[in-house]
Amino acid sequence: GGTCPVTGEKIFSRQTCAHILVLMSSCGMYDASGEFCFKIGFPAKSGVGGSLLVVIPNQMGICTWSPKLDMNGNSVRGVSFCQKFAEIFAVNNYVFENTPKLHLGMLHCTNKYRHIDNLCKAAARNDLKGFRWLLGMYGTEVALCGDYDMRTPLHLAVVEGHEEMCSYLIELYEQCGAQQPTDRWGQAPLDEARAMLRKVSDNESAPAGAYKRIVGMLEATQLPASC
């Protein structure tokens, strides 16, 4: 946004930054600008001295230097670096976000964990319609995975006492032949359900019926135990 990351000083306005990035994308690589934008997809400015300035908007800036130039006056190794960087990381501004490439600044540097987080949030809110929609985008396998604490959407649905969501997820696990998920502390959803049932049973004002039914569903399921 035009602010120096080291000093915090405001150098350019946000509008000026936007204009500069557009110019870098459209003509920053001389006659190769169109091909660079098409294949690599992030703003860059080349210098005939061998320097190459790259901007990954809202993420980072990179500067390379290697004096050997190609026929367009761009650094050969600088362009090669950009090509390899774009092959590994999801830095092309024109590629949709559901890409298997690694994502900068994200948990474990992969888009998979953002998908897991979205599914966990939907399960915790009991948003079954939204959960199914996300599942169609991400695939079934992601719904069976856990976050950084290895807690799955089923763990979250159980803790919140969402019967419908729990029933749907248990059926999903059975269809996939998946094992019972356990978090980093070794707790399975059934352990969570029993703990919540004991907790609400001690509080007469809290409804225990939902947790009783969830415990029953989990005890009745044929999911194999995880190793």
Protein backbone atom coordinates (compact mmCIF):
# COMPACT_ATOMS: atom_id res chain seq x y z
CA GLY A 1 0.00 0.00 0.00
CA GLY A 2 2.94 2.37 -0.50
CA THR A 3 4.31 2.06 3.04
CA CYS A 4 7.95 1.18 3.73
CA PRO A 5 7.90 -2.17 5.60
CA VAL A 6 11.06 -1.27 7.54
CA THR A 7 10.39 2.29 8.71
CA GLY A 8 6.60 2.39 8.38
CA GLU A 9 6.93 5.62 6.39
CA LYS A 10 4.26 6.33 3.80
CA ILE A 11 6.06 6.73 0.44
CA PHE A 12 3.27 6.47 -2.14
CA SER A 13 -0.50 6.65 -2.02
CA ARG A 14 -2.46 3.44 -2.62
CA GLN A 15 -3.70 4.87 -5.91
CA THR A 16 -0.14 5.57 -7.08
CA CYS A 17 0.86 2.00 -6.18
CA ALA A 18 -2.05 0.63 -8.19
CA HIS A 19 -1.06 2.71 -11.21
CA ILE A 20 2.58 1.57 -10.96
CA LEU A 21 1.60 -2.09 -10.74
CA VAL A 22 -0.57 -1.75 -13.84
CA LEU A 23 2.33 -0.21 -15.76
CA MET A 24 4.71 -2.91 -14.55
CA SER A 25 2.30 -5.60 -15.69
CA SER A 26 1.65 -4.05 -19.09
CA CYS A 27 5.11 -2.85 -20.15
CA GLY A 28 7.66 -3.58 -17.41
CA MET A 29 9.35 -6.38 -19.36
CA TYR A 30 9.76 -4.45 -22.62
CA ASP A 31 8.62 -6.43 -25.70
CA ALA A 32 8.20 -9.58 -23.58
CA SER A 33 5.64 -7.94 -21.27
CA GLY A 34 2.60 -9.62 -22.82
CA GLU A 35 4.09 -13.10 -22.73
CA PHE A 36 5.42 -12.56 -19.20
CA CYS A 37 1.99 -11.44 -17.97
CA PHE A 38 0.27 -14.34 -19.75
CA LYS A 39 2.57 -17.11 -18.53
CA ILE A 40 3.78 -15.80 -15.15
CA GLY A 41 1.13 -13.29 -14.15
CA PHE A 42 2.65 -10.86 -11.64
CA PRO A 43 4.04 -7.30 -12.06
CA ALA A 44 7.74 -6.98 -12.82
CA LYS A 45 10.13 -4.27 -14.01
CA SER A 46 13.30 -5.16 -15.85
CA GLY A 47 16.44 -3.05 -16.16
CA VAL A 48 19.04 -3.35 -18.91
CA GLY A 49 21.75 -3.59 -16.25
CA GLY A 50 20.45 -7.06 -15.35
CA SER A 51 18.18 -6.16 -12.44
CA LEU A 52 14.60 -7.39 -12.16
CA LEU A 53 12.08 -6.09 -9.63
CA VAL A 54 9.11 -8.33 -8.90
CA VAL A 55 6.00 -7.43 -6.88
CA ILE A 56 3.63 -10.01 -5.43
CA PRO A 57 0.79 -7.63 -4.46
CA ASN A 58 0.06 -7.49 -0.72
CA GLN A 59 2.69 -10.19 -0.11
CA MET A 60 6.25 -9.32 -0.96
CA GLY A 61 8.77 -7.75 -3.28
CA ILE A 62 11.75 -9.53 -4.85
CA CYS A 63 14.78 -8.14 -6.63
CA THR A 64 17.15 -10.27 -8.68
CA TRP A 65 20.32 -9.33 -10.53
CA SER A 66 22.18 -11.19 -13.24
CA PRO A 67 23.77 -9.23 -16.11
CA LYS A 68 23.25 -11.67 -18.98
CA LEU A 69 20.33 -10.38 -21.07
CA ASP A 70 18.02 -12.08 -23.55
CA MET A 71 16.94 -10.67 -26.91
CA ASN A 72 14.31 -8.48 -25.18
CA GLY A 73 16.79 -6.87 -22.79
CA ASN A 74 15.67 -8.85 -19.75
CA SER A 75 17.89 -10.77 -17.35
CA VAL A 76 18.02 -14.41 -18.46
CA ARG A 77 18.37 -15.80 -14.96
CA GLY A 78 15.90 -13.29 -13.54
CA VAL A 79 13.21 -14.43 -15.96
CA SER A 80 14.10 -18.07 -15.30
CA PHE A 81 13.69 -17.46 -11.55
CA CYS A 82 10.24 -15.93 -12.14
CA GLN A 83 9.17 -18.89 -14.26
CA LYS A 84 10.22 -21.42 -11.62
CA PHE A 85 8.74 -19.32 -8.82
CA ALA A 86 5.37 -19.21 -10.62
CA GLU A 87 5.48 -22.96 -11.27
CA ILE A 88 5.70 -23.69 -7.55
CA PHE A 89 3.74 -20.88 -5.89
CA ALA A 90 0.24 -19.54 -6.58
CA VAL A 91 1.41 -16.05 -7.51
CA ASN A 92 -0.26 -15.64 -10.91
CA ASN A 93 -2.84 -12.88 -10.44
CA TYR A 94 -5.06 -14.43 -13.09
CA VAL A 95 -5.31 -17.98 -11.74
CA PHE A 96 -8.32 -18.90 -9.58
CA GLU A 97 -7.58 -19.60 -5.92
CA ASN A 98 -8.49 -23.31 -5.94
CA THR A 99 -5.07 -24.30 -7.25
CA PRO A 100 -2.82 -27.09 -5.97
CA LYS A 101 0.20 -24.76 -6.01
CA LEU A 102 1.71 -23.55 -2.74
CA HIS A 103 0.36 -20.29 -1.33
CA LEU A 104 2.54 -17.63 0.23
CA GLY A 105 1.86 -16.62 3.82
CA MET A 106 -0.59 -19.44 4.51
CA LEU A 107 -0.46 -22.21 7.07
CA HIS A 108 2.10 -24.77 5.90
CA CYS A 109 2.26 -22.69 2.72
CA THR A 110 -0.58 -24.58 1.07
CA ASN A 111 -4.13 -23.76 0.05
CA LYS A 112 -5.34 -27.04 1.53
CA TYR A 113 -5.34 -25.64 5.06
CA ARG A 114 -7.50 -22.68 4.07
CA HIS A 115 -10.01 -25.17 2.67
CA ILE A 116 -9.91 -27.16 5.92
CA ASP A 117 -10.42 -23.95 7.92
CA ASN A 118 -13.45 -23.00 5.80
CA LEU A 119 -14.99 -26.45 6.28
CA CYS A 120 -14.34 -26.37 10.04
CA LYS A 121 -16.05 -22.98 10.30
CA ALA A 122 -19.08 -24.23 8.36
CA ALA A 123 -19.30 -27.31 10.60
CA ALA A 124 -19.03 -25.19 13.75
CA ARG A 125 -21.86 -22.94 12.49
CA ASN A 126 -24.00 -25.94 11.51
CA ASP A 127 -24.12 -24.56 7.97
CA LEU A 128 -24.78 -27.85 6.21
CA LYS A 129 -25.77 -26.23 2.91
CA GLY A 130 -22.57 -24.19 2.86
CA PHE A 131 -20.54 -27.23 3.90
CA ARG A 132 -21.87 -29.28 0.98
CA TRP A 133 -21.15 -26.43 -1.42
CA LEU A 134 -17.55 -26.17 -0.17
CA LEU A 135 -17.20 -29.94 -0.39
CA GLY A 136 -18.14 -29.77 -4.06
CA MET A 137 -15.34 -27.25 -4.62
CA TYR A 138 -12.64 -28.84 -2.49
CA GLY A 139 -13.33 -32.57 -2.72
CA THR A 140 -14.26 -35.11 -0.05
CA GLU A 141 -10.71 -35.82 1.06
CA VAL A 142 -10.26 -32.33 2.54
CA ALA A 143 -13.32 -32.77 4.80
CA LEU A 144 -11.63 -35.73 6.47
CA CYS A 145 -8.45 -33.79 7.26
CA GLY A 146 -7.61 -31.77 10.35
CA ASP A 147 -6.26 -28.28 10.94
CA TYR A 148 -2.91 -27.47 12.58
CA ASP A 149 -4.18 -29.18 15.77
CA MET A 150 -5.50 -32.08 13.65
CA ARG A 151 -9.05 -31.15 14.62
CA THR A 152 -11.53 -32.01 11.90
CA PRO A 153 -14.95 -30.59 10.97
CA LEU A 154 -16.44 -33.55 12.85
CA HIS A 155 -14.62 -32.52 16.04
CA LEU A 156 -16.06 -29.01 15.72
CA ALA A 157 -19.59 -30.18 14.97
CA VAL A 158 -19.52 -32.51 17.98
CA VAL A 159 -18.32 -29.83 20.40
CA GLU A 160 -21.05 -27.44 19.25
CA GLY A 161 -23.72 -30.14 19.54
CA HIS A 162 -24.89 -29.98 15.91
CA GLU A 163 -26.70 -33.28 15.36
CA GLU A 164 -27.52 -32.83 11.68
CA MET A 165 -23.95 -31.89 10.79
CA CYS A 166 -22.57 -34.78 12.87
CA SER A 167 -24.91 -37.24 11.17
CA TYR A 168 -23.83 -36.00 7.74
CA LEU A 169 -20.12 -36.20 8.56
CA ILE A 170 -20.36 -39.65 10.14
CA GLU A 171 -22.08 -40.89 6.99
CA LEU A 172 -19.32 -39.30 4.91
CA TYR A 173 -16.64 -41.09 6.94
CA GLU A 174 -18.46 -44.40 6.54
CA GLN A 175 -18.83 -43.94 2.77
CA CYS A 176 -15.11 -43.23 2.45
CA GLY A 177 -14.09 -46.07 4.75
CA ALA A 178 -12.09 -43.56 6.78
CA GLN A 179 -10.74 -44.06 10.28
CA GLN A 180 -11.92 -42.22 13.34
CA PRO A 181 -10.06 -38.89 13.37
CA THR A 182 -7.98 -37.96 16.39
CA ASP A 183 -6.53 -34.55 17.17
CA ARG A 184 -3.00 -33.78 18.37
CA TRP A 185 -4.02 -34.71 21.92
CA GLY A 186 -5.37 -38.09 20.82
CA GLN A 187 -9.00 -37.07 21.27
CA ALA A 188 -11.56 -38.60 18.90
CA PRO A 189 -14.99 -37.01 18.27
CA LEU A 190 -16.56 -39.65 20.53
CA ASP A 191 -14.25 -38.56 23.36
CA GLU A 192 -15.33 -34.96 22.76
CA ALA A 193 -19.00 -35.90 22.73
CA ARG A 194 -18.75 -37.82 26.01
CA ALA A 195 -16.84 -34.96 27.64
CA MET A 196 -19.47 -32.44 26.50
CA LEU A 197 -22.26 -34.70 27.74
CA ARG A 198 -20.66 -34.89 31.19
CA LYS A 199 -20.18 -31.12 31.17
CA VAL A 200 -23.78 -30.24 30.31
CA SER A 201 -25.15 -32.95 32.59
CA ASP A 202 -23.57 -31.11 35.51
CA ASN A 203 -25.46 -27.99 34.47
CA GLU A 204 -29.20 -28.54 34.80
CA SER A 205 -30.00 -25.51 32.64
CA ALA A 206 -28.05 -26.86 29.65
CA PRO A 207 -29.74 -29.34 27.26
CA ALA A 208 -27.99 -32.69 27.24
CA GLY A 209 -30.29 -34.39 24.72
CA ALA A 210 -28.30 -33.34 21.65
CA TYR A 211 -25.05 -34.67 23.08
CA LYS A 212 -26.69 -37.93 24.14
CA ARG A 213 -27.87 -38.49 20.58
CA ILE A 214 -24.46 -37.57 19.13
CA VAL A 215 -22.76 -40.02 21.51
CA GLY A 216 -25.23 -42.66 20.37
CA MET A 217 -24.51 -41.97 16.71
CA LEU A 218 -20.75 -42.18 17.21
CA GLU A 219 -20.97 -45.34 19.32
CA ALA A 220 -23.14 -46.99 16.69
CA THR A 221 -20.87 -46.15 13.78
CA GLN A 222 -18.54 -48.77 12.37
CA LEU A 223 -15.58 -46.43 11.83
CA PRO A 224 -12.27 -48.23 12.43
CA ALA A 225 -10.03 -46.80 15.11
CA SER A 226 -7.04 -44.80 13.93
CA CYS A 227 -3.53 -46.11 14.50
